[in-house]
PDB file of N, CA and C in Angstrom:
ATOM      1  N   MET A   1     176.901  71.245 200.613  1.00  0.00           N
ATOM      2  CA  MET A   1     175.574  71.703 200.271  1.00  0.00           C
ATOM      3  C   MET A   1     174.631  71.314 201.414  1.00  0.00           C
ATOM      4  N   LYS A   2     173.848  72.254 201.834  1.00  0.00           N
ATOM      5  CA  LYS A   2     172.892  72.015 202.917  1.00  0.00           C
ATOM      6  C   LYS A   2     171.795  71.070 202.421  1.00  0.00           C
ATOM      7  N   SER A   3     171.283  70.265 203.317  1.00  0.00           N
ATOM      8  CA  SER A   3     170.184  69.351 203.009  1.00  0.00           C
ATOM      9  C   SER A   3     168.874  70.128 202.903  1.00  0.00           C
ATOM     10  N   LEU A   4     168.088  69.826 201.896  1.00  0.00           N
ATOM     11  CA  LEU A   4     166.775  70.457 201.771  1.00  0.00           C
ATOM     12  C   LEU A   4     165.880  70.052 202.934  1.00  0.00           C
ATOM     13  N   LYS A   5     166.084  68.851 203.452  1.00  0.00           N
ATOM     14  CA  LYS A   5     165.272  68.376 204.572  1.00  0.00           C
ATOM     15  C   LYS A   5     165.486  69.233 205.819  1.00  0.00           C
ATOM     16  N   GLU A   6     166.672  69.818 205.979  1.00  0.00           N
ATOM     17  CA  GLU A   6     166.927  70.723 207.104  1.00  0.00           C
ATOM     18  C   GLU A   6     166.042  71.963 207.015  1.00  0.00           C
ATOM     19  N   VAL A   7     165.798  72.393 205.794  1.00  0.00           N
ATOM     20  CA  VAL A   7     165.048  73.622 205.545  1.00  0.00           C
ATOM     21  C   VAL A   7     163.547  73.340 205.453  1.00  0.00           C
ATOM     22  N   CYS A   8     163.207  72.252 204.793  1.00  0.00           N
ATOM     23  CA  CYS A   8     161.810  71.849 204.567  1.00  0.00           C
ATOM     24  C   CYS A   8     161.656  70.395 205.005  1.00  0.00           C
ATOM     25  N   PRO A   9     161.383  70.144 206.269  1.00  0.00           N
ATOM     26  CA  PRO A   9     161.379  68.767 206.772  1.00  0.00           C
ATOM     27  C   PRO A   9     160.248  67.880 206.260  1.00  0.00           C
ATOM     28  N   ASP A  10     159.109  68.450 205.894  1.00  0.00           N
ATOM     29  CA  ASP A  10     157.954  67.651 205.486  1.00  0.00           C
ATOM     30  C   ASP A  10     157.947  67.442 203.968  1.00  0.00           C
ATOM     31  N   PRO A  11     158.194  66.209 203.486  1.00  0.00           N
ATOM     32  CA  PRO A  11     158.239  65.970 202.044  1.00  0.00           C
ATOM     33  C   PRO A  11     156.905  66.244 201.357  1.00  0.00           C
ATOM     34  N   LYS A  12     155.812  66.013 202.044  1.00  0.00           N
ATOM     35  CA  LYS A  12     154.495  66.258 201.432  1.00  0.00           C
ATOM     36  C   LYS A  12     154.291  67.746 201.171  1.00  0.00           C
ATOM     37  N   GLN A  13     154.787  68.561 202.055  1.00  0.00           N
ATOM     38  CA  GLN A  13     154.677  70.002 201.851  1.00  0.00           C
ATOM     39  C   GLN A  13     155.569  70.456 200.695  1.00  0.00           C
ATOM     40  N   VAL A  14     156.767  69.877 200.590  1.00  0.00           N
ATOM     41  CA  VAL A  14     157.671  70.201 199.476  1.00  0.00           C
ATOM     42  C   VAL A  14     156.993  69.885 198.147  1.00  0.00           C
ATOM     43  N   LEU A  15     156.317  68.759 198.091  1.00  0.00           N
ATOM     44  CA  LEU A  15     155.642  68.342 196.857  1.00  0.00           C
ATOM     45  C   LEU A  15     154.496  69.270 196.472  1.00  0.00           C
ATOM     46  N   GLN A  16     153.974  70.019 197.422  1.00  0.00           N
ATOM     47  CA  GLN A  16     152.880  70.960 197.164  1.00  0.00           C
ATOM     48  C   GLN A  16     153.378  72.300 196.612  1.00  0.00           C
ATOM     49  N   LEU A  17     154.661  72.595 196.793  1.00  0.00           N
ATOM     50  CA  LEU A  17     155.188  73.906 196.422  1.00  0.00           C
ATOM     51  C   LEU A  17     155.368  74.037 194.909  1.00  0.00           C
ATOM     52  N   GLU A  18     155.046  75.200 194.405  1.00  0.00           N
ATOM     53  CA  GLU A  18     155.312  75.531 193.004  1.00  0.00           C
ATOM     54  C   GLU A  18     156.807  75.821 192.864  1.00  0.00           C
ATOM     55  N   PRO A  19     157.349  75.731 191.637  1.00  0.00           N
ATOM     56  CA  PRO A  19     158.790  75.975 191.455  1.00  0.00           C
ATOM     57  C   PRO A  19     159.266  77.308 192.030  1.00  0.00           C
ATOM     58  N   GLU A  20     158.465  78.350 191.876  1.00  0.00           N
ATOM     59  CA  GLU A  20     158.876  79.661 192.391  1.00  0.00           C
ATOM     60  C   GLU A  20     158.813  79.737 193.907  1.00  0.00           C
ATOM     61  N   GLU A  21     158.074  78.833 194.545  1.00  0.00           N
ATOM     62  CA  GLU A  21     158.029  78.771 196.005  1.00  0.00           C
ATOM     63  C   GLU A  21     159.162  77.907 196.558  1.00  0.00           C
ATOM     64  N   LEU A  22     159.475  76.826 195.856  1.00  0.00           N
ATOM     65  CA  LEU A  22     160.548  75.929 196.281  1.00  0.00           C
ATOM     66  C   LEU A  22     161.921  76.488 195.915  1.00  0.00           C
ATOM     67  N   GLY A  23     161.985  77.239 194.841  1.00  0.00           N
ATOM     68  CA  GLY A  23     163.256  77.763 194.338  1.00  0.00           C
ATOM     69  C   GLY A  23     164.122  78.453 195.373  1.00  0.00           C
ATOM     70  N   PRO A  24     163.585  79.383 196.175  1.00  0.00           N
ATOM     71  CA  PRO A  24     164.422  80.048 197.178  1.00  0.00           C
ATOM     72  C   PRO A  24     165.027  79.077 198.193  1.00  0.00           C
ATOM     73  N   HIS A  25     164.292  78.027 198.546  1.00  0.00           N
ATOM     74  CA  HIS A  25     164.813  77.037 199.492  1.00  0.00           C
ATOM     75  C   HIS A  25     165.959  76.240 198.858  1.00  0.00           C
ATOM     76  N   VAL A  26     165.780  75.884 197.597  1.00  0.00           N
ATOM     77  CA  VAL A  26     166.836  75.163 196.873  1.00  0.00           C
ATOM     78  C   VAL A  26     168.062  76.060 196.729  1.00  0.00           C
ATOM     79  N   LEU A  27     167.843  77.322 196.380  1.00  0.00           N
ATOM     80  CA  LEU A  27     168.951  78.273 196.242  1.00  0.00           C
ATOM     81  C   LEU A  27     169.714  78.406 197.560  1.00  0.00           C
ATOM     82  N   HIS A  28     168.990  78.458 198.656  1.00  0.00           N
ATOM     83  CA  HIS A  28     169.617  78.533 199.981  1.00  0.00           C
ATOM     84  C   HIS A  28     170.528  77.320 200.220  1.00  0.00           C
ATOM     85  N   CYS A  29     170.052  76.150 199.849  1.00  0.00           N
ATOM     86  CA  CYS A  29     170.864  74.931 200.011  1.00  0.00           C
ATOM     87  C   CYS A  29     172.107  74.982 199.131  1.00  0.00           C
ATOM     88  N   LEU A  30     171.946  75.439 197.894  1.00  0.00           N
ATOM     89  CA  LEU A  30     173.079  75.509 196.966  1.00  0.00           C
ATOM     90  C   LEU A  30     174.106  76.551 197.412  1.00  0.00           C
ATOM     91  N   ALA A  31     173.648  77.624 198.019  1.00  0.00           N
ATOM     92  CA  ALA A  31     174.554  78.683 198.457  1.00  0.00           C
ATOM     93  C   ALA A  31     175.493  78.197 199.549  1.00  0.00           C
ATOM     94  N   ASP A  32     175.104  77.136 200.224  1.00  0.00           N
ATOM     95  CA  ASP A  32     175.897  76.573 201.304  1.00  0.00           C
ATOM     96  C   ASP A  32     176.965  75.588 200.800  1.00  0.00           C
ATOM     97  N   ALA A  33     176.986  75.334 199.495  1.00  0.00           N
ATOM     98  CA  ALA A  33     177.934  74.365 198.927  1.00  0.00           C
ATOM     99  C   ALA A  33     179.365  74.897 199.021  1.00  0.00           C
ATOM    100  N   LYS A  34     180.281  74.003 199.312  1.00  0.00           N
ATOM    101  CA  LYS A  34     181.691  74.391 199.388  1.00  0.00           C
ATOM    102  C   LYS A  34     182.299  74.563 198.006  1.00  0.00           C
ATOM    103  N   GLU A  35     181.797  73.826 197.040  1.00  0.00           N
ATOM    104  CA  GLU A  35     182.279  73.895 195.659  1.00  0.00           C
ATOM    105  C   GLU A  35     181.428  74.917 194.895  1.00  0.00           C
ATOM    106  N   PRO A  36     182.051  75.894 194.210  1.00  0.00           N
ATOM    107  CA  PRO A  36     181.262  76.918 193.512  1.00  0.00           C
ATOM    108  C   PRO A  36     180.535  76.399 192.268  1.00  0.00           C
ATOM    109  N   ASN A  37     181.029  75.315 191.678  1.00  0.00           N
ATOM    110  CA  ASN A  37     180.398  74.720 190.498  1.00  0.00           C
ATOM    111  C   ASN A  37     179.899  73.330 190.877  1.00  0.00           C
ATOM    112  N   ILE A  38     178.629  73.084 190.620  1.00  0.00           N
ATOM    113  CA  ILE A  38     178.002  71.837 191.022  1.00  0.00           C
ATOM    114  C   ILE A  38     177.411  71.166 189.791  1.00  0.00           C
ATOM    115  N   LYS A  39     177.615  69.877 189.659  1.00  0.00           N
ATOM    116  CA  LYS A  39     177.057  69.139 188.531  1.00  0.00           C
ATOM    117  C   LYS A  39     175.535  69.092 188.671  1.00  0.00           C
ATOM    118  N   ARG A  40     174.846  69.626 187.687  1.00  0.00           N
ATOM    119  CA  ARG A  40     173.388  69.742 187.768  1.00  0.00           C
ATOM    120  C   ARG A  40     172.725  68.384 187.976  1.00  0.00           C
ATOM    121  N   ALA A  41     173.234  67.349 187.348  1.00  0.00           N
ATOM    122  CA  ALA A  41     172.611  66.027 187.413  1.00  0.00           C
ATOM    123  C   ALA A  41     172.541  65.471 188.831  1.00  0.00           C
ATOM    124  N   ILE A  42     173.415  65.920 189.713  1.00  0.00           N
ATOM    125  CA  ILE A  42     173.403  65.353 191.070  1.00  0.00           C
ATOM    126  C   ILE A  42     172.617  66.186 192.079  1.00  0.00           C
ATOM    127  N   ILE A  43     172.264  67.412 191.724  1.00  0.00           N
ATOM    128  CA  ILE A  43     171.620  68.304 192.698  1.00  0.00           C
ATOM    129  C   ILE A  43     170.285  67.749 193.173  1.00  0.00           C
ATOM    130  N   ALA A  44     169.380  67.430 192.258  1.00  0.00           N
ATOM    131  CA  ALA A  44     168.057  66.934 192.647  1.00  0.00           C
ATOM    132  C   ALA A  44     168.169  65.606 193.390  1.00  0.00           C
ATOM    133  N   GLN A  45     169.077  64.758 192.942  1.00  0.00           N
ATOM    134  CA  GLN A  45     169.276  63.478 193.634  1.00  0.00           C
ATOM    135  C   GLN A  45     169.766  63.705 195.056  1.00  0.00           C
ATOM    136  N   TYR A  46     170.743  64.575 195.209  1.00  0.00           N
ATOM    137  CA  TYR A  46     171.300  64.841 196.534  1.00  0.00           C
ATOM    138  C   TYR A  46     170.256  65.473 197.455  1.00  0.00           C
ATOM    139  N   LEU A  47     169.567  66.513 196.964  1.00  0.00           N
ATOM    140  CA  LEU A  47     168.621  67.231 197.818  1.00  0.00           C
ATOM    141  C   LEU A  47     167.421  66.371 198.209  1.00  0.00           C
ATOM    142  N   SER A  48     167.073  65.396 197.383  1.00  0.00           N
ATOM    143  CA  SER A  48     165.955  64.510 197.724  1.00  0.00           C
ATOM    144  C   SER A  48     166.401  63.300 198.549  1.00  0.00           C
ATOM    145  N   SER A  49     167.697  63.025 198.592  1.00  0.00           N
ATOM    146  CA  SER A  49     168.206  61.798 199.210  1.00  0.00           C
ATOM    147  C   SER A  49     168.047  61.734 200.734  1.00  0.00           C
ATOM    148  N   HIS A  50     167.792  62.838 201.380  1.00  0.00           N
ATOM    149  CA  HIS A  50     167.667  62.849 202.836  1.00  0.00           C
ATOM    150  C   HIS A  50     166.245  62.545 203.314  1.00  0.00           C
ATOM    151  N   TYR A  51     165.320  62.476 202.375  1.00  0.00           N
ATOM    152  CA  TYR A  51     163.931  62.147 202.706  1.00  0.00           C
ATOM    153  C   TYR A  51     163.729  60.637 202.618  1.00  0.00           C
ATOM    154  N   GLU A  52     162.561  60.181 203.084  1.00  0.00           N
ATOM    155  CA  GLU A  52     162.232  58.762 203.010  1.00  0.00           C
ATOM    156  C   GLU A  52     162.297  58.318 201.542  1.00  0.00           C
ATOM    157  N   GLU A  53     162.751  57.108 201.339  1.00  0.00           N
ATOM    158  CA  GLU A  53     163.008  56.600 199.992  1.00  0.00           C
ATOM    159  C   GLU A  53     161.782  56.640 199.075  1.00  0.00           C
ATOM    160  N   ASP A  54     160.602  56.384 199.613  1.00  0.00           N
ATOM    161  CA  ASP A  54     159.416  56.359 198.757  1.00  0.00           C
ATOM    162  C   ASP A  54     159.045  57.735 198.201  1.00  0.00           C
ATOM    163  N   HIS A  55     159.533  58.823 198.810  1.00  0.00           N
ATOM    164  CA  HIS A  55     159.265  60.180 198.319  1.00  0.00           C
ATOM    165  C   HIS A  55     160.359  60.698 197.371  1.00  0.00           C
ATOM    166  N   GLN A  56     161.513  60.076 197.365  1.00  0.00           N
ATOM    167  CA  GLN A  56     162.667  60.626 196.649  1.00  0.00           C
ATOM    168  C   GLN A  56     162.455  60.857 195.154  1.00  0.00           C
ATOM    169  N   PRO A  57     161.887  59.911 194.386  1.00  0.00           N
ATOM    170  CA  PRO A  57     161.737  60.173 192.949  1.00  0.00           C
ATOM    171  C   PRO A  57     160.860  61.395 192.648  1.00  0.00           C
ATOM    172  N   GLU A  58     159.738  61.500 193.331  1.00  0.00           N
ATOM    173  CA  GLU A  58     158.838  62.622 193.108  1.00  0.00           C
ATOM    174  C   GLU A  58     159.475  63.942 193.569  1.00  0.00           C
ATOM    175  N   LEU A  59     160.189  63.905 194.681  1.00  0.00           N
ATOM    176  CA  LEU A  59     160.879  65.095 195.170  1.00  0.00           C
ATOM    177  C   LEU A  59     161.965  65.542 194.192  1.00  0.00           C
ATOM    178  N   ALA A  60     162.686  64.590 193.635  1.00  0.00           N
ATOM    179  CA  ALA A  60     163.730  64.936 192.661  1.00  0.00           C
ATOM    180  C   ALA A  60     163.130  65.685 191.476  1.00  0.00           C
ATOM    181  N   HIS A  61     161.939  65.299 191.052  1.00  0.00           N
ATOM    182  CA  HIS A  61     161.289  65.990 189.940  1.00  0.00           C
ATOM    183  C   HIS A  61     160.911  67.425 190.299  1.00  0.00           C
ATOM    184  N   VAL A  62     160.334  67.646 191.475  1.00  0.00           N
ATOM    185  CA  VAL A  62     159.955  69.016 191.829  1.00  0.00           C
ATOM    186  C   VAL A  62     161.189  69.880 192.087  1.00  0.00           C
ATOM    187  N   ILE A  63     162.248  69.284 192.575  1.00  0.00           N
ATOM    188  CA  ILE A  63     163.502  70.032 192.758  1.00  0.00           C
ATOM    189  C   ILE A  63     164.065  70.421 191.397  1.00  0.00           C
ATOM    190  N   GLU A  64     163.996  69.525 190.441  1.00  0.00           N
ATOM    191  CA  GLU A  64     164.470  69.830 189.086  1.00  0.00           C
ATOM    192  C   GLU A  64     163.643  70.970 188.475  1.00  0.00           C
ATOM    193  N   GLU A  65     162.336  70.971 188.722  1.00  0.00           N
ATOM    194  CA  GLU A  65     161.498  72.086 188.258  1.00  0.00           C
ATOM    195  C   GLU A  65     161.959  73.401 188.890  1.00  0.00           C
ATOM    196  N   ALA A  66     162.271  73.360 190.178  1.00  0.00           N
ATOM    197  CA  ALA A  66     162.745  74.564 190.871  1.00  0.00           C
ATOM    198  C   ALA A  66     164.080  75.027 190.295  1.00  0.00           C
ATOM    199  N   LEU A  67     164.948  74.087 189.942  1.00  0.00           N
ATOM    200  CA  LEU A  67     166.227  74.454 189.316  1.00  0.00           C
ATOM    201  C   LEU A  67     165.988  75.160 187.983  1.00  0.00           C
ATOM    202  N   GLY A  68     165.021  74.670 187.226  1.00  0.00           N
ATOM    203  CA  GLY A  68     164.671  75.325 185.959  1.00  0.00           C
ATOM    204  C   GLY A  68     164.179  76.741 186.188  1.00  0.00           C
ATOM    205  N   TRP A  69     163.362  76.922 187.205  1.00  0.00           N
ATOM    206  CA  TRP A  69     162.858  78.258 187.526  1.00  0.00           C
ATOM    207  C   TRP A  69     164.007  79.169 187.952  1.00  0.00           C
ATOM    208  N   LEU A  70     164.906  78.660 188.790  1.00  0.00           N
ATOM    209  CA  LEU A  70     166.052  79.456 189.240  1.00  0.00           C
ATOM    210  C   LEU A  70     166.932  79.880 188.062  1.00  0.00           C
ATOM    211  N   THR A  71     167.099  78.988 187.108  1.00  0.00           N
ATOM    212  CA  THR A  71     167.888  79.309 185.908  1.00  0.00           C
ATOM    213  C   THR A  71     167.186  80.382 185.086  1.00  0.00           C
ATOM    214  N   ALA A  72     165.858  80.239 184.918  1.00  0.00           N
ATOM    215  CA  ALA A  72     165.093  81.221 184.144  1.00  0.00           C
ATOM    216  C   ALA A  72     165.134  82.611 184.793  1.00  0.00           C
ATOM    217  N   GLN A  73     165.303  82.659 186.104  1.00  0.00           N
ATOM    218  CA  GLN A  73     165.372  83.931 186.835  1.00  0.00           C
ATOM    219  C   GLN A  73     166.801  84.485 186.885  1.00  0.00           C
ATOM    220  N   CYS A  74     167.724  83.829 186.216  1.00  0.00           N
ATOM    221  CA  CYS A  74     169.149  84.210 186.196  1.00  0.00           C
ATOM    222  C   CYS A  74     169.776  84.168 187.588  1.00  0.00           C
ATOM    223  N   LEU A  75     169.298  83.235 188.409  1.00  0.00           N
ATOM    224  CA  LEU A  75     169.882  83.040 189.732  1.00  0.00           C
ATOM    225  C   LEU A  75     170.911  81.918 189.698  1.00  0.00           C
ATOM    226  N   LEU A  76     170.797  81.054 188.703  1.00  0.00           N
ATOM    227  CA  LEU A  76     171.773  79.994 188.429  1.00  0.00           C
ATOM    228  C   LEU A  76     172.208  80.124 186.981  1.00  0.00           C
ATOM    229  N   GLY A  77     173.442  79.765 186.720  1.00  0.00           N
ATOM    230  CA  GLY A  77     173.947  79.787 185.348  1.00  0.00           C
ATOM    231  C   GLY A  77     174.791  78.565 185.068  1.00  0.00           C
ATOM    232  N   ALA A  78     174.940  78.253 183.786  1.00  0.00           N
ATOM    233  CA  ALA A  78     175.799  77.139 183.371  1.00  0.00           C
ATOM    234  C   ALA A  78     177.237  77.640 183.278  1.00  0.00           C
ATOM    235  N   SER A  79     178.162  76.825 183.717  1.00  0.00           N
ATOM    236  CA  SER A  79     179.576  77.192 183.643  1.00  0.00           C
ATOM    237  C   SER A  79     179.989  77.364 182.185  1.00  0.00           C
ATOM    238  N   PRO A  80     180.747  78.404 181.873  1.00  0.00           N
ATOM    239  CA  PRO A  80     181.205  78.574 180.497  1.00  0.00           C
ATOM    240  C   PRO A  80     182.238  77.521 180.091  1.00  0.00           C
ATOM    241  N   TYR A  81     182.734  76.781 181.060  1.00  0.00           N
ATOM    242  CA  TYR A  81     183.764  75.779 180.788  1.00  0.00           C
ATOM    243  C   TYR A  81     183.209  74.372 180.699  1.00  0.00           C
ATOM    244  N   ASP A  82     182.064  74.137 181.314  1.00  0.00           N
ATOM    245  CA  ASP A  82     181.426  72.822 181.293  1.00  0.00           C
ATOM    246  C   ASP A  82     179.939  73.042 181.529  1.00  0.00           C
ATOM    247  N   GLN A  83     179.128  72.870 180.497  1.00  0.00           N
ATOM    248  CA  GLN A  83     177.697  73.163 180.567  1.00  0.00           C
ATOM    249  C   GLN A  83     176.938  72.274 181.555  1.00  0.00           C
ATOM    250  N   GLU A  84     177.554  71.200 182.028  1.00  0.00           N
ATOM    251  CA  GLU A  84     176.904  70.349 183.025  1.00  0.00           C
ATOM    252  C   GLU A  84     177.074  70.890 184.439  1.00  0.00           C
ATOM    253  N   LEU A  85     177.943  71.867 184.609  1.00  0.00           N
ATOM    254  CA  LEU A  85     178.161  72.477 185.916  1.00  0.00           C
ATOM    255  C   LEU A  85     177.359  73.764 186.016  1.00  0.00           C
ATOM    256  N   ILE A  86     176.739  73.981 187.168  1.00  0.00           N
ATOM    257  CA  ILE A  86     176.025  75.231 187.374  1.00  0.00           C
ATOM    258  C   ILE A  86     176.666  75.989 188.536  1.00  0.00           C
ATOM    259  N   PHE A  87     176.398  77.266 188.563  1.00  0.00           N
ATOM    260  CA  PHE A  87     176.931  78.103 189.631  1.00  0.00           C
ATOM    261  C   PHE A  87     175.879  79.142 190.003  1.00  0.00           C
ATOM    262  N   LEU A  88     175.989  79.685 191.201  1.00  0.00           N
ATOM    263  CA  LEU A  88     175.126  80.787 191.600  1.00  0.00           C
ATOM    264  C   LEU A  88     175.647  82.044 190.924  1.00  0.00           C
ATOM    265  N   THR A  89     174.770  82.728 190.216  1.00  0.00           N
ATOM    266  CA  THR A  89     175.156  83.981 189.575  1.00  0.00           C
ATOM    267  C   THR A  89     175.338  85.051 190.656  1.00  0.00           C
ATOM    268  N   ARG A  90     175.826  86.194 190.262  1.00  0.00           N
ATOM    269  CA  ARG A  90     175.955  87.293 191.227  1.00  0.00           C
ATOM    270  C   ARG A  90     174.591  87.629 191.820  1.00  0.00           C
ATOM    271  N   ARG A  91     173.589  87.653 190.966  1.00  0.00           N
ATOM    272  CA  ARG A  91     172.219  87.906 191.441  1.00  0.00           C
ATOM    273  C   ARG A  91     171.772  86.784 192.376  1.00  0.00           C
ATOM    274  N   GLY A  92     172.078  85.545 192.013  1.00  0.00           N
ATOM    275  CA  GLY A  92     171.721  84.402 192.847  1.00  0.00           C
ATOM    276  C   GLY A  92     172.342  84.486 194.228  1.00  0.00           C
ATOM    277  N   LYS A  93     173.584  84.935 194.295  1.00  0.00           N
ATOM    278  CA  LYS A  93     174.256  85.083 195.590  1.00  0.00           C
ATOM    279  C   LYS A  93     173.579  86.164 196.434  1.00  0.00           C
ATOM    280  N   ARG A  94     173.174  87.265 195.792  1.00  0.00           N
ATOM    281  CA  ARG A  94     172.486  88.332 196.539  1.00  0.00           C
ATOM    282  C   ARG A  94     171.145  87.829 197.070  1.00  0.00           C
ATOM    283  N   VAL A  95     170.394  87.131 196.223  1.00  0.00           N
ATOM    284  CA  VAL A  95     169.091  86.612 196.648  1.00  0.00           C
ATOM    285  C   VAL A  95     169.268  85.582 197.755  1.00  0.00           C
ATOM    286  N   ALA A  96     170.260  84.712 197.613  1.00  0.00           N
ATOM    287  CA  ALA A  96     170.505  83.682 198.636  1.00  0.00           C
ATOM    288  C   ALA A  96     170.883  84.319 199.965  1.00  0.00           C
ATOM    289  N   SER A  97     171.598  85.438 199.938  1.00  0.00           N
ATOM    290  CA  SER A  97     172.004  86.085 201.192  1.00  0.00           C
ATOM    291  C   SER A  97     170.813  86.717 201.916  1.00  0.00           C
ATOM    292  N   ASP A  98     169.707  86.960 201.188  1.00  0.00           N
ATOM    293  CA  ASP A  98     168.507  87.537 201.791  1.00  0.00           C
ATOM    294  C   ASP A  98     167.483  86.476 202.186  1.00  0.00           C
ATOM    295  N   TYR A  99     167.870  85.212 202.150  1.00  0.00           N
ATOM    296  CA  TYR A  99     166.950  84.098 202.419  1.00  0.00           C
ATOM    297  C   TYR A  99     166.347  84.184 203.812  1.00  0.00           C
ATOM    298  N   ARG A 100     165.054  83.967 203.847  1.00  0.00           N
ATOM    299  CA  ARG A 100     164.335  83.873 205.124  1.00  0.00           C
ATOM    300  C   ARG A 100     163.545  82.579 205.091  1.00  0.00           C
ATOM    301  N   SER A 101     163.725  81.749 206.072  1.00  0.00           N
ATOM    302  CA  SER A 101     162.989  80.479 206.101  1.00  0.00           C
ATOM    303  C   SER A 101     161.512  80.769 206.298  1.00  0.00           C
ATOM    304  N   GLY A 102     160.728  79.841 205.880  1.00  0.00           N
ATOM    305  CA  GLY A 102     159.281  79.973 205.985  1.00  0.00           C
ATOM    306  C   GLY A 102     158.636  79.283 204.800  1.00  0.00           C
ATOM    307  N   SER A 103     157.373  79.122 204.840  1.00  0.00           N
ATOM    308  CA  SER A 103     156.560  78.463 203.800  1.00  0.00           C
ATOM    309  C   SER A 103     156.958  77.016 203.555  1.00  0.00           C
ATOM    310  N   CYS A 104     157.676  76.429 204.461  1.00  0.00           N
ATOM    311  CA  CYS A 104     158.003  74.998 204.380  1.00  0.00           C
ATOM    312  C   CYS A 104     157.672  74.356 205.700  1.00  0.00           C
TER     313      CYS A 104
END
């Protein structure tokens, strides 16, 4: 999984983004994962872990909000075999393939 810090280096700017603005960046990071099913509980922790420690808790919360938005948009789904695992839906894969960096 790609680091969110690679895509959005400034943690203060990440904290300013609304879920629908941060969501595409998070989706881009998830699309780079080698494993198709990812445990939801570790995503926000992992994506925030590359930033300075004092920003990590707050970043994990905004990343979790973005995950909720991505799920509501049917870009992420829960695995039918284990509800704690999420995957990029077919729509999510199409949107991730059209990713353009910016706004971070």
